Structures are given as C-alpha cells and as structure tokens.
Amino acid sequence: LPVIRCATATGRPRDVVGMHFFNP
C-alpha cells in the first residue's frame, strides 16, 4: 500500500515512514 496514504491520515506526515519487514 502507499505509505503516503497512511501519512496523510495524520497531521504529522513528516513523522511517518515505511518499515517493510520480511516474514518471519
């Protein structure tokens, strides 16, 4: 999913980042 769409759901998009871990 677009990380920016998660970020703009907040009032602090500068503090939002993606951390894609791999399983396990």
PDBML (XML) file of the C-alpha atoms, coordinates in Angstrom:
<?xml version="1.0" encoding="UTF-8" ?>
<PDBx:datablock datablockName="MODEL"
   xmlns:PDBx="http://pdbml.pdb.org/schema/pdbx-v50.xsd"
   xmlns:xsi="http://www.w3.org/2001/XMLSchema-instance"
   xsi:schemaLocation="http://pdbml.pdb.org/schema/pdbx-v50.xsd pdbx-v50.xsd">
   <PDBx:atom_siteCategory>
      <PDBx:atom_site id="1">
         <PDBx:B_iso_or_equiv>0.00</PDBx:B_iso_or_equiv>
         <PDBx:Cartn_x>0.000</PDBx:Cartn_x>
         <PDBx:Cartn_y>0.000</PDBx:Cartn_y>
         <PDBx:Cartn_z>0.000</PDBx:Cartn_z>
         <PDBx:auth_asym_id>A</PDBx:auth_asym_id>
         <PDBx:auth_atom_id>CA</PDBx:auth_atom_id>
         <PDBx:auth_comp_id>LEU</PDBx:auth_comp_id>
         <PDBx:auth_seq_id>1</PDBx:auth_seq_id>
         <PDBx:group_PDB>ATOM</PDBx:group_PDB>
         <PDBx:label_alt_id xsi:nil="true" />
         <PDBx:label_asym_id>A</PDBx:label_asym_id>
         <PDBx:label_atom_id>CA</PDBx:label_atom_id>
         <PDBx:label_comp_id>LEU</PDBx:label_comp_id>
         <PDBx:label_entity_id>1</PDBx:label_entity_id>
         <PDBx:label_seq_id>1</PDBx:label_seq_id>
         <PDBx:occupancy>1.00</PDBx:occupancy>
         <PDBx:pdbx_PDB_model_num>1</PDBx:pdbx_PDB_model_num>
         <PDBx:type_symbol>C</PDBx:type_symbol>
      </PDBx:atom_site>
      <PDBx:atom_site id="2">
         <PDBx:B_iso_or_equiv>0.00</PDBx:B_iso_or_equiv>
         <PDBx:Cartn_x>1.135</PDBx:Cartn_x>
         <PDBx:Cartn_y>3.620</PDBx:Cartn_y>
         <PDBx:Cartn_z>-0.491</PDBx:Cartn_z>
         <PDBx:auth_asym_id>A</PDBx:auth_asym_id>
         <PDBx:auth_atom_id>CA</PDBx:auth_atom_id>
         <PDBx:auth_comp_id>PRO</PDBx:auth_comp_id>
         <PDBx:auth_seq_id>2</PDBx:auth_seq_id>
         <PDBx:group_PDB>ATOM</PDBx:group_PDB>
         <PDBx:label_alt_id xsi:nil="true" />
         <PDBx:label_asym_id>A</PDBx:label_asym_id>
         <PDBx:label_atom_id>CA</PDBx:label_atom_id>
         <PDBx:label_comp_id>PRO</PDBx:label_comp_id>
         <PDBx:label_entity_id>1</PDBx:label_entity_id>
         <PDBx:label_seq_id>2</PDBx:label_seq_id>
         <PDBx:occupancy>1.00</PDBx:occupancy>
         <PDBx:pdbx_PDB_model_num>1</PDBx:pdbx_PDB_model_num>
         <PDBx:type_symbol>C</PDBx:type_symbol>
      </PDBx:atom_site>
      <PDBx:atom_site id="3">
         <PDBx:B_iso_or_equiv>0.00</PDBx:B_iso_or_equiv>
         <PDBx:Cartn_x>2.877</PDBx:Cartn_x>
         <PDBx:Cartn_y>4.844</PDBx:Cartn_y>
         <PDBx:Cartn_z>2.652</PDBx:Cartn_z>
         <PDBx:auth_asym_id>A</PDBx:auth_asym_id>
         <PDBx:auth_atom_id>CA</PDBx:auth_atom_id>
         <PDBx:auth_comp_id>VAL</PDBx:auth_comp_id>
         <PDBx:auth_seq_id>3</PDBx:auth_seq_id>
         <PDBx:group_PDB>ATOM</PDBx:group_PDB>
         <PDBx:label_alt_id xsi:nil="true" />
         <PDBx:label_asym_id>A</PDBx:label_asym_id>
         <PDBx:label_atom_id>CA</PDBx:label_atom_id>
         <PDBx:label_comp_id>VAL</PDBx:label_comp_id>
         <PDBx:label_entity_id>1</PDBx:label_entity_id>
         <PDBx:label_seq_id>3</PDBx:label_seq_id>
         <PDBx:occupancy>1.00</PDBx:occupancy>
         <PDBx:pdbx_PDB_model_num>1</PDBx:pdbx_PDB_model_num>
         <PDBx:type_symbol>C</PDBx:type_symbol>
      </PDBx:atom_site>
      <PDBx:atom_site id="4">
         <PDBx:B_iso_or_equiv>0.00</PDBx:B_iso_or_equiv>
         <PDBx:Cartn_x>1.876</PDBx:Cartn_x>
         <PDBx:Cartn_y>8.418</PDBx:Cartn_y>
         <PDBx:Cartn_z>1.820</PDBx:Cartn_z>
         <PDBx:auth_asym_id>A</PDBx:auth_asym_id>
         <PDBx:auth_atom_id>CA</PDBx:auth_atom_id>
         <PDBx:auth_comp_id>ILE</PDBx:auth_comp_id>
         <PDBx:auth_seq_id>4</PDBx:auth_seq_id>
         <PDBx:group_PDB>ATOM</PDBx:group_PDB>
         <PDBx:label_alt_id xsi:nil="true" />
         <PDBx:label_asym_id>A</PDBx:label_asym_id>
         <PDBx:label_atom_id>CA</PDBx:label_atom_id>
         <PDBx:label_comp_id>ILE</PDBx:label_comp_id>
         <PDBx:label_entity_id>1</PDBx:label_entity_id>
         <PDBx:label_seq_id>4</PDBx:label_seq_id>
         <PDBx:occupancy>1.00</PDBx:occupancy>
         <PDBx:pdbx_PDB_model_num>1</PDBx:pdbx_PDB_model_num>
         <PDBx:type_symbol>C</PDBx:type_symbol>
      </PDBx:atom_site>
      <PDBx:atom_site id="5">
         <PDBx:B_iso_or_equiv>0.00</PDBx:B_iso_or_equiv>
         <PDBx:Cartn_x>-1.820</PDBx:Cartn_x>
         <PDBx:Cartn_y>7.482</PDBx:Cartn_y>
         <PDBx:Cartn_z>2.134</PDBx:Cartn_z>
         <PDBx:auth_asym_id>A</PDBx:auth_asym_id>
         <PDBx:auth_atom_id>CA</PDBx:auth_atom_id>
         <PDBx:auth_comp_id>ARG</PDBx:auth_comp_id>
         <PDBx:auth_seq_id>5</PDBx:auth_seq_id>
         <PDBx:group_PDB>ATOM</PDBx:group_PDB>
         <PDBx:label_alt_id xsi:nil="true" />
         <PDBx:label_asym_id>A</PDBx:label_asym_id>
         <PDBx:label_atom_id>CA</PDBx:label_atom_id>
         <PDBx:label_comp_id>ARG</PDBx:label_comp_id>
         <PDBx:label_entity_id>1</PDBx:label_entity_id>
         <PDBx:label_seq_id>5</PDBx:label_seq_id>
         <PDBx:occupancy>1.00</PDBx:occupancy>
         <PDBx:pdbx_PDB_model_num>1</PDBx:pdbx_PDB_model_num>
         <PDBx:type_symbol>C</PDBx:type_symbol>
      </PDBx:atom_site>
      <PDBx:atom_site id="6">
         <PDBx:B_iso_or_equiv>0.00</PDBx:B_iso_or_equiv>
         <PDBx:Cartn_x>-1.150</PDBx:Cartn_x>
         <PDBx:Cartn_y>6.370</PDBx:Cartn_y>
         <PDBx:Cartn_z>5.705</PDBx:Cartn_z>
         <PDBx:auth_asym_id>A</PDBx:auth_asym_id>
         <PDBx:auth_atom_id>CA</PDBx:auth_atom_id>
         <PDBx:auth_comp_id>CYS</PDBx:auth_comp_id>
         <PDBx:auth_seq_id>6</PDBx:auth_seq_id>
         <PDBx:group_PDB>ATOM</PDBx:group_PDB>
         <PDBx:label_alt_id xsi:nil="true" />
         <PDBx:label_asym_id>A</PDBx:label_asym_id>
         <PDBx:label_atom_id>CA</PDBx:label_atom_id>
         <PDBx:label_comp_id>CYS</PDBx:label_comp_id>
         <PDBx:label_entity_id>1</PDBx:label_entity_id>
         <PDBx:label_seq_id>6</PDBx:label_seq_id>
         <PDBx:occupancy>1.00</PDBx:occupancy>
         <PDBx:pdbx_PDB_model_num>1</PDBx:pdbx_PDB_model_num>
         <PDBx:type_symbol>C</PDBx:type_symbol>
      </PDBx:atom_site>
      <PDBx:atom_site id="7">
         <PDBx:B_iso_or_equiv>0.00</PDBx:B_iso_or_equiv>
         <PDBx:Cartn_x>0.926</PDBx:Cartn_x>
         <PDBx:Cartn_y>9.503</PDBx:Cartn_y>
         <PDBx:Cartn_z>6.369</PDBx:Cartn_z>
         <PDBx:auth_asym_id>A</PDBx:auth_asym_id>
         <PDBx:auth_atom_id>CA</PDBx:auth_atom_id>
         <PDBx:auth_comp_id>ALA</PDBx:auth_comp_id>
         <PDBx:auth_seq_id>7</PDBx:auth_seq_id>
         <PDBx:group_PDB>ATOM</PDBx:group_PDB>
         <PDBx:label_alt_id xsi:nil="true" />
         <PDBx:label_asym_id>A</PDBx:label_asym_id>
         <PDBx:label_atom_id>CA</PDBx:label_atom_id>
         <PDBx:label_comp_id>ALA</PDBx:label_comp_id>
         <PDBx:label_entity_id>1</PDBx:label_entity_id>
         <PDBx:label_seq_id>7</PDBx:label_seq_id>
         <PDBx:occupancy>1.00</PDBx:occupancy>
         <PDBx:pdbx_PDB_model_num>1</PDBx:pdbx_PDB_model_num>
         <PDBx:type_symbol>C</PDBx:type_symbol>
      </PDBx:atom_site>
      <PDBx:atom_site id="8">
         <PDBx:B_iso_or_equiv>0.00</PDBx:B_iso_or_equiv>
         <PDBx:Cartn_x>-1.751</PDBx:Cartn_x>
         <PDBx:Cartn_y>11.914</PDBx:Cartn_y>
         <PDBx:Cartn_z>5.175</PDBx:Cartn_z>
         <PDBx:auth_asym_id>A</PDBx:auth_asym_id>
         <PDBx:auth_atom_id>CA</PDBx:auth_atom_id>
         <PDBx:auth_comp_id>THR</PDBx:auth_comp_id>
         <PDBx:auth_seq_id>8</PDBx:auth_seq_id>
         <PDBx:group_PDB>ATOM</PDBx:group_PDB>
         <PDBx:label_alt_id xsi:nil="true" />
         <PDBx:label_asym_id>A</PDBx:label_asym_id>
         <PDBx:label_atom_id>CA</PDBx:label_atom_id>
         <PDBx:label_comp_id>THR</PDBx:label_comp_id>
         <PDBx:label_entity_id>1</PDBx:label_entity_id>
         <PDBx:label_seq_id>8</PDBx:label_seq_id>
         <PDBx:occupancy>1.00</PDBx:occupancy>
         <PDBx:pdbx_PDB_model_num>1</PDBx:pdbx_PDB_model_num>
         <PDBx:type_symbol>C</PDBx:type_symbol>
      </PDBx:atom_site>
      <PDBx:atom_site id="9">
         <PDBx:B_iso_or_equiv>0.00</PDBx:B_iso_or_equiv>
         <PDBx:Cartn_x>-4.265</PDBx:Cartn_x>
         <PDBx:Cartn_y>10.343</PDBx:Cartn_y>
         <PDBx:Cartn_z>7.547</PDBx:Cartn_z>
         <PDBx:auth_asym_id>A</PDBx:auth_asym_id>
         <PDBx:auth_atom_id>CA</PDBx:auth_atom_id>
         <PDBx:auth_comp_id>ALA</PDBx:auth_comp_id>
         <PDBx:auth_seq_id>9</PDBx:auth_seq_id>
         <PDBx:group_PDB>ATOM</PDBx:group_PDB>
         <PDBx:label_alt_id xsi:nil="true" />
         <PDBx:label_asym_id>A</PDBx:label_asym_id>
         <PDBx:label_atom_id>CA</PDBx:label_atom_id>
         <PDBx:label_comp_id>ALA</PDBx:label_comp_id>
         <PDBx:label_entity_id>1</PDBx:label_entity_id>
         <PDBx:label_seq_id>9</PDBx:label_seq_id>
         <PDBx:occupancy>1.00</PDBx:occupancy>
         <PDBx:pdbx_PDB_model_num>1</PDBx:pdbx_PDB_model_num>
         <PDBx:type_symbol>C</PDBx:type_symbol>
      </PDBx:atom_site>
      <PDBx:atom_site id="10">
         <PDBx:B_iso_or_equiv>0.00</PDBx:B_iso_or_equiv>
         <PDBx:Cartn_x>-2.266</PDBx:Cartn_x>
         <PDBx:Cartn_y>12.134</PDBx:Cartn_y>
         <PDBx:Cartn_z>10.266</PDBx:Cartn_z>
         <PDBx:auth_asym_id>A</PDBx:auth_asym_id>
         <PDBx:auth_atom_id>CA</PDBx:auth_atom_id>
         <PDBx:auth_comp_id>THR</PDBx:auth_comp_id>
         <PDBx:auth_seq_id>10</PDBx:auth_seq_id>
         <PDBx:group_PDB>ATOM</PDBx:group_PDB>
         <PDBx:label_alt_id xsi:nil="true" />
         <PDBx:label_asym_id>A</PDBx:label_asym_id>
         <PDBx:label_atom_id>CA</PDBx:label_atom_id>
         <PDBx:label_comp_id>THR</PDBx:label_comp_id>
         <PDBx:label_entity_id>1</PDBx:label_entity_id>
         <PDBx:label_seq_id>10</PDBx:label_seq_id>
         <PDBx:occupancy>1.00</PDBx:occupancy>
         <PDBx:pdbx_PDB_model_num>1</PDBx:pdbx_PDB_model_num>
         <PDBx:type_symbol>C</PDBx:type_symbol>
      </PDBx:atom_site>
      <PDBx:atom_site id="11">
         <PDBx:B_iso_or_equiv>0.00</PDBx:B_iso_or_equiv>
         <PDBx:Cartn_x>-1.430</PDBx:Cartn_x>
         <PDBx:Cartn_y>15.759</PDBx:Cartn_y>
         <PDBx:Cartn_z>10.959</PDBx:Cartn_z>
         <PDBx:auth_asym_id>A</PDBx:auth_asym_id>
         <PDBx:auth_atom_id>CA</PDBx:auth_atom_id>
         <PDBx:auth_comp_id>GLY</PDBx:auth_comp_id>
         <PDBx:auth_seq_id>11</PDBx:auth_seq_id>
         <PDBx:group_PDB>ATOM</PDBx:group_PDB>
         <PDBx:label_alt_id xsi:nil="true" />
         <PDBx:label_asym_id>A</PDBx:label_asym_id>
         <PDBx:label_atom_id>CA</PDBx:label_atom_id>
         <PDBx:label_comp_id>GLY</PDBx:label_comp_id>
         <PDBx:label_entity_id>1</PDBx:label_entity_id>
         <PDBx:label_seq_id>11</PDBx:label_seq_id>
         <PDBx:occupancy>1.00</PDBx:occupancy>
         <PDBx:pdbx_PDB_model_num>1</PDBx:pdbx_PDB_model_num>
         <PDBx:type_symbol>C</PDBx:type_symbol>
      </PDBx:atom_site>
      <PDBx:atom_site id="12">
         <PDBx:B_iso_or_equiv>0.00</PDBx:B_iso_or_equiv>
         <PDBx:Cartn_x>2.264</PDBx:Cartn_x>
         <PDBx:Cartn_y>14.845</PDBx:Cartn_y>
         <PDBx:Cartn_z>11.076</PDBx:Cartn_z>
         <PDBx:auth_asym_id>A</PDBx:auth_asym_id>
         <PDBx:auth_atom_id>CA</PDBx:auth_atom_id>
         <PDBx:auth_comp_id>ARG</PDBx:auth_comp_id>
         <PDBx:auth_seq_id>12</PDBx:auth_seq_id>
         <PDBx:group_PDB>ATOM</PDBx:group_PDB>
         <PDBx:label_alt_id xsi:nil="true" />
         <PDBx:label_asym_id>A</PDBx:label_asym_id>
         <PDBx:label_atom_id>CA</PDBx:label_atom_id>
         <PDBx:label_comp_id>ARG</PDBx:label_comp_id>
         <PDBx:label_entity_id>1</PDBx:label_entity_id>
         <PDBx:label_seq_id>12</PDBx:label_seq_id>
         <PDBx:occupancy>1.00</PDBx:occupancy>
         <PDBx:pdbx_PDB_model_num>1</PDBx:pdbx_PDB_model_num>
         <PDBx:type_symbol>C</PDBx:type_symbol>
      </PDBx:atom_site>
      <PDBx:atom_site id="13">
         <PDBx:B_iso_or_equiv>0.00</PDBx:B_iso_or_equiv>
         <PDBx:Cartn_x>3.139</PDBx:Cartn_x>
         <PDBx:Cartn_y>13.200</PDBx:Cartn_y>
         <PDBx:Cartn_z>7.717</PDBx:Cartn_z>
         <PDBx:auth_asym_id>A</PDBx:auth_asym_id>
         <PDBx:auth_atom_id>CA</PDBx:auth_atom_id>
         <PDBx:auth_comp_id>PRO</PDBx:auth_comp_id>
         <PDBx:auth_seq_id>13</PDBx:auth_seq_id>
         <PDBx:group_PDB>ATOM</PDBx:group_PDB>
         <PDBx:label_alt_id xsi:nil="true" />
         <PDBx:label_asym_id>A</PDBx:label_asym_id>
         <PDBx:label_atom_id>CA</PDBx:label_atom_id>
         <PDBx:label_comp_id>PRO</PDBx:label_comp_id>
         <PDBx:label_entity_id>1</PDBx:label_entity_id>
         <PDBx:label_seq_id>13</PDBx:label_seq_id>
         <PDBx:occupancy>1.00</PDBx:occupancy>
         <PDBx:pdbx_PDB_model_num>1</PDBx:pdbx_PDB_model_num>
         <PDBx:type_symbol>C</PDBx:type_symbol>
      </PDBx:atom_site>
      <PDBx:atom_site id="14">
         <PDBx:B_iso_or_equiv>0.00</PDBx:B_iso_or_equiv>
         <PDBx:Cartn_x>6.819</PDBx:Cartn_x>
         <PDBx:Cartn_y>14.145</PDBx:Cartn_y>
         <PDBx:Cartn_z>8.205</PDBx:Cartn_z>
         <PDBx:auth_asym_id>A</PDBx:auth_asym_id>
         <PDBx:auth_atom_id>CA</PDBx:auth_atom_id>
         <PDBx:auth_comp_id>ARG</PDBx:auth_comp_id>
         <PDBx:auth_seq_id>14</PDBx:auth_seq_id>
         <PDBx:group_PDB>ATOM</PDBx:group_PDB>
         <PDBx:label_alt_id xsi:nil="true" />
         <PDBx:label_asym_id>A</PDBx:label_asym_id>
         <PDBx:label_atom_id>CA</PDBx:label_atom_id>
         <PDBx:label_comp_id>ARG</PDBx:label_comp_id>
         <PDBx:label_entity_id>1</PDBx:label_entity_id>
         <PDBx:label_seq_id>14</PDBx:label_seq_id>
         <PDBx:occupancy>1.00</PDBx:occupancy>
         <PDBx:pdbx_PDB_model_num>1</PDBx:pdbx_PDB_model_num>
         <PDBx:type_symbol>C</PDBx:type_symbol>
      </PDBx:atom_site>
      <PDBx:atom_site id="15">
         <PDBx:B_iso_or_equiv>0.00</PDBx:B_iso_or_equiv>
         <PDBx:Cartn_x>6.952</PDBx:Cartn_x>
         <PDBx:Cartn_y>11.615</PDBx:Cartn_y>
         <PDBx:Cartn_z>11.074</PDBx:Cartn_z>
         <PDBx:auth_asym_id>A</PDBx:auth_asym_id>
         <PDBx:auth_atom_id>CA</PDBx:auth_atom_id>
         <PDBx:auth_comp_id>ASP</PDBx:auth_comp_id>
         <PDBx:auth_seq_id>15</PDBx:auth_seq_id>
         <PDBx:group_PDB>ATOM</PDBx:group_PDB>
         <PDBx:label_alt_id xsi:nil="true" />
         <PDBx:label_asym_id>A</PDBx:label_asym_id>
         <PDBx:label_atom_id>CA</PDBx:label_atom_id>
         <PDBx:label_comp_id>ASP</PDBx:label_comp_id>
         <PDBx:label_entity_id>1</PDBx:label_entity_id>
         <PDBx:label_seq_id>15</PDBx:label_seq_id>
         <PDBx:occupancy>1.00</PDBx:occupancy>
         <PDBx:pdbx_PDB_model_num>1</PDBx:pdbx_PDB_model_num>
         <PDBx:type_symbol>C</PDBx:type_symbol>
      </PDBx:atom_site>
      <PDBx:atom_site id="16">
         <PDBx:B_iso_or_equiv>0.00</PDBx:B_iso_or_equiv>
         <PDBx:Cartn_x>5.588</PDBx:Cartn_x>
         <PDBx:Cartn_y>8.685</PDBx:Cartn_y>
         <PDBx:Cartn_z>9.030</PDBx:Cartn_z>
         <PDBx:auth_asym_id>A</PDBx:auth_asym_id>
         <PDBx:auth_atom_id>CA</PDBx:auth_atom_id>
         <PDBx:auth_comp_id>VAL</PDBx:auth_comp_id>
         <PDBx:auth_seq_id>16</PDBx:auth_seq_id>
         <PDBx:group_PDB>ATOM</PDBx:group_PDB>
         <PDBx:label_alt_id xsi:nil="true" />
         <PDBx:label_asym_id>A</PDBx:label_asym_id>
         <PDBx:label_atom_id>CA</PDBx:label_atom_id>
         <PDBx:label_comp_id>VAL</PDBx:label_comp_id>
         <PDBx:label_entity_id>1</PDBx:label_entity_id>
         <PDBx:label_seq_id>16</PDBx:label_seq_id>
         <PDBx:occupancy>1.00</PDBx:occupancy>
         <PDBx:pdbx_PDB_model_num>1</PDBx:pdbx_PDB_model_num>
         <PDBx:type_symbol>C</PDBx:type_symbol>
      </PDBx:atom_site>
      <PDBx:atom_site id="17">
         <PDBx:B_iso_or_equiv>0.00</PDBx:B_iso_or_equiv>
         <PDBx:Cartn_x>7.824</PDBx:Cartn_x>
         <PDBx:Cartn_y>6.142</PDBx:Cartn_y>
         <PDBx:Cartn_z>7.299</PDBx:Cartn_z>
         <PDBx:auth_asym_id>A</PDBx:auth_asym_id>
         <PDBx:auth_atom_id>CA</PDBx:auth_atom_id>
         <PDBx:auth_comp_id>VAL</PDBx:auth_comp_id>
         <PDBx:auth_seq_id>17</PDBx:auth_seq_id>
         <PDBx:group_PDB>ATOM</PDBx:group_PDB>
         <PDBx:label_alt_id xsi:nil="true" />
         <PDBx:label_asym_id>A</PDBx:label_asym_id>
         <PDBx:label_atom_id>CA</PDBx:label_atom_id>
         <PDBx:label_comp_id>VAL</PDBx:label_comp_id>
         <PDBx:label_entity_id>1</PDBx:label_entity_id>
         <PDBx:label_seq_id>17</PDBx:label_seq_id>
         <PDBx:occupancy>1.00</PDBx:occupancy>
         <PDBx:pdbx_PDB_model_num>1</PDBx:pdbx_PDB_model_num>
         <PDBx:type_symbol>C</PDBx:type_symbol>
      </PDBx:atom_site>
      <PDBx:atom_site id="18">
         <PDBx:B_iso_or_equiv>0.00</PDBx:B_iso_or_equiv>
         <PDBx:Cartn_x>7.601</PDBx:Cartn_x>
         <PDBx:Cartn_y>2.612</PDBx:Cartn_y>
         <PDBx:Cartn_z>5.909</PDBx:Cartn_z>
         <PDBx:auth_asym_id>A</PDBx:auth_asym_id>
         <PDBx:auth_atom_id>CA</PDBx:auth_atom_id>
         <PDBx:auth_comp_id>GLY</PDBx:auth_comp_id>
         <PDBx:auth_seq_id>18</PDBx:auth_seq_id>
         <PDBx:group_PDB>ATOM</PDBx:group_PDB>
         <PDBx:label_alt_id xsi:nil="true" />
         <PDBx:label_asym_id>A</PDBx:label_asym_id>
         <PDBx:label_atom_id>CA</PDBx:label_atom_id>
         <PDBx:label_comp_id>GLY</PDBx:label_comp_id>
         <PDBx:label_entity_id>1</PDBx:label_entity_id>
         <PDBx:label_seq_id>18</PDBx:label_seq_id>
         <PDBx:occupancy>1.00</PDBx:occupancy>
         <PDBx:pdbx_PDB_model_num>1</PDBx:pdbx_PDB_model_num>
         <PDBx:type_symbol>C</PDBx:type_symbol>
      </PDBx:atom_site>
      <PDBx:atom_site id="19">
         <PDBx:B_iso_or_equiv>0.00</PDBx:B_iso_or_equiv>
         <PDBx:Cartn_x>9.436</PDBx:Cartn_x>
         <PDBx:Cartn_y>-0.277</PDBx:Cartn_y>
         <PDBx:Cartn_z>7.598</PDBx:Cartn_z>
         <PDBx:auth_asym_id>A</PDBx:auth_asym_id>
         <PDBx:auth_atom_id>CA</PDBx:auth_atom_id>
         <PDBx:auth_comp_id>MET</PDBx:auth_comp_id>
         <PDBx:auth_seq_id>19</PDBx:auth_seq_id>
         <PDBx:group_PDB>ATOM</PDBx:group_PDB>
         <PDBx:label_alt_id xsi:nil="true" />
         <PDBx:label_asym_id>A</PDBx:label_asym_id>
         <PDBx:label_atom_id>CA</PDBx:label_atom_id>
         <PDBx:label_comp_id>MET</PDBx:label_comp_id>
         <PDBx:label_entity_id>1</PDBx:label_entity_id>
         <PDBx:label_seq_id>19</PDBx:label_seq_id>
         <PDBx:occupancy>1.00</PDBx:occupancy>
         <PDBx:pdbx_PDB_model_num>1</PDBx:pdbx_PDB_model_num>
         <PDBx:type_symbol>C</PDBx:type_symbol>
      </PDBx:atom_site>
      <PDBx:atom_site id="20">
         <PDBx:B_iso_or_equiv>0.00</PDBx:B_iso_or_equiv>
         <PDBx:Cartn_x>8.761</PDBx:Cartn_x>
         <PDBx:Cartn_y>-3.360</PDBx:Cartn_y>
         <PDBx:Cartn_z>5.496</PDBx:Cartn_z>
         <PDBx:auth_asym_id>A</PDBx:auth_asym_id>
         <PDBx:auth_atom_id>CA</PDBx:auth_atom_id>
         <PDBx:auth_comp_id>HIS</PDBx:auth_comp_id>
         <PDBx:auth_seq_id>20</PDBx:auth_seq_id>
         <PDBx:group_PDB>ATOM</PDBx:group_PDB>
         <PDBx:label_alt_id xsi:nil="true" />
         <PDBx:label_asym_id>A</PDBx:label_asym_id>
         <PDBx:label_atom_id>CA</PDBx:label_atom_id>
         <PDBx:label_comp_id>HIS</PDBx:label_comp_id>
         <PDBx:label_entity_id>1</PDBx:label_entity_id>
         <PDBx:label_seq_id>20</PDBx:label_seq_id>
         <PDBx:occupancy>1.00</PDBx:occupancy>
         <PDBx:pdbx_PDB_model_num>1</PDBx:pdbx_PDB_model_num>
         <PDBx:type_symbol>C</PDBx:type_symbol>
      </PDBx:atom_site>
      <PDBx:atom_site id="21">
         <PDBx:B_iso_or_equiv>0.00</PDBx:B_iso_or_equiv>
         <PDBx:Cartn_x>9.982</PDBx:Cartn_x>
         <PDBx:Cartn_y>-6.401</PDBx:Cartn_y>
         <PDBx:Cartn_z>7.435</PDBx:Cartn_z>
         <PDBx:auth_asym_id>A</PDBx:auth_asym_id>
         <PDBx:auth_atom_id>CA</PDBx:auth_atom_id>
         <PDBx:auth_comp_id>PHE</PDBx:auth_comp_id>
         <PDBx:auth_seq_id>21</PDBx:auth_seq_id>
         <PDBx:group_PDB>ATOM</PDBx:group_PDB>
         <PDBx:label_alt_id xsi:nil="true" />
         <PDBx:label_asym_id>A</PDBx:label_asym_id>
         <PDBx:label_atom_id>CA</PDBx:label_atom_id>
         <PDBx:label_comp_id>PHE</PDBx:label_comp_id>
         <PDBx:label_entity_id>1</PDBx:label_entity_id>
         <PDBx:label_seq_id>21</PDBx:label_seq_id>
         <PDBx:occupancy>1.00</PDBx:occupancy>
         <PDBx:pdbx_PDB_model_num>1</PDBx:pdbx_PDB_model_num>
         <PDBx:type_symbol>C</PDBx:type_symbol>
      </PDBx:atom_site>
      <PDBx:atom_site id="22">
         <PDBx:B_iso_or_equiv>0.00</PDBx:B_iso_or_equiv>
         <PDBx:Cartn_x>10.065</PDBx:Cartn_x>
         <PDBx:Cartn_y>-9.788</PDBx:Cartn_y>
         <PDBx:Cartn_z>5.729</PDBx:Cartn_z>
         <PDBx:auth_asym_id>A</PDBx:auth_asym_id>
         <PDBx:auth_atom_id>CA</PDBx:auth_atom_id>
         <PDBx:auth_comp_id>PHE</PDBx:auth_comp_id>
         <PDBx:auth_seq_id>22</PDBx:auth_seq_id>
         <PDBx:group_PDB>ATOM</PDBx:group_PDB>
         <PDBx:label_alt_id xsi:nil="true" />
         <PDBx:label_asym_id>A</PDBx:label_asym_id>
         <PDBx:label_atom_id>CA</PDBx:label_atom_id>
         <PDBx:label_comp_id>PHE</PDBx:label_comp_id>
         <PDBx:label_entity_id>1</PDBx:label_entity_id>
         <PDBx:label_seq_id>22</PDBx:label_seq_id>
         <PDBx:occupancy>1.00</PDBx:occupancy>
         <PDBx:pdbx_PDB_model_num>1</PDBx:pdbx_PDB_model_num>
         <PDBx:type_symbol>C</PDBx:type_symbol>
      </PDBx:atom_site>
      <PDBx:atom_site id="23">
         <PDBx:B_iso_or_equiv>0.00</PDBx:B_iso_or_equiv>
         <PDBx:Cartn_x>8.464</PDBx:Cartn_x>
         <PDBx:Cartn_y>-12.918</PDBx:Cartn_y>
         <PDBx:Cartn_z>7.129</PDBx:Cartn_z>
         <PDBx:auth_asym_id>A</PDBx:auth_asym_id>
         <PDBx:auth_atom_id>CA</PDBx:auth_atom_id>
         <PDBx:auth_comp_id>ASN</PDBx:auth_comp_id>
         <PDBx:auth_seq_id>23</PDBx:auth_seq_id>
         <PDBx:group_PDB>ATOM</PDBx:group_PDB>
         <PDBx:label_alt_id xsi:nil="true" />
         <PDBx:label_asym_id>A</PDBx:label_asym_id>
         <PDBx:label_atom_id>CA</PDBx:label_atom_id>
         <PDBx:label_comp_id>ASN</PDBx:label_comp_id>
         <PDBx:label_entity_id>1</PDBx:label_entity_id>
         <PDBx:label_seq_id>23</PDBx:label_seq_id>
         <PDBx:occupancy>1.00</PDBx:occupancy>
         <PDBx:pdbx_PDB_model_num>1</PDBx:pdbx_PDB_model_num>
         <PDBx:type_symbol>C</PDBx:type_symbol>
      </PDBx:atom_site>
      <PDBx:atom_site id="24">
         <PDBx:B_iso_or_equiv>0.00</PDBx:B_iso_or_equiv>
         <PDBx:Cartn_x>9.483</PDBx:Cartn_x>
         <PDBx:Cartn_y>-14.417</PDBx:Cartn_y>
         <PDBx:Cartn_z>9.530</PDBx:Cartn_z>
         <PDBx:auth_asym_id>A</PDBx:auth_asym_id>
         <PDBx:auth_atom_id>CA</PDBx:auth_atom_id>
         <PDBx:auth_comp_id>PRO</PDBx:auth_comp_id>
         <PDBx:auth_seq_id>24</PDBx:auth_seq_id>
         <PDBx:group_PDB>ATOM</PDBx:group_PDB>
         <PDBx:label_alt_id xsi:nil="true" />
         <PDBx:label_asym_id>A</PDBx:label_asym_id>
         <PDBx:label_atom_id>CA</PDBx:label_atom_id>
         <PDBx:label_comp_id>PRO</PDBx:label_comp_id>
         <PDBx:label_entity_id>1</PDBx:label_entity_id>
         <PDBx:label_seq_id>24</PDBx:label_seq_id>
         <PDBx:occupancy>1.00</PDBx:occupancy>
         <PDBx:pdbx_PDB_model_num>1</PDBx:pdbx_PDB_model_num>
         <PDBx:type_symbol>C</PDBx:type_symbol>
      </PDBx:atom_site>
   </PDBx:atom_siteCategory>
</PDBx:datablock>
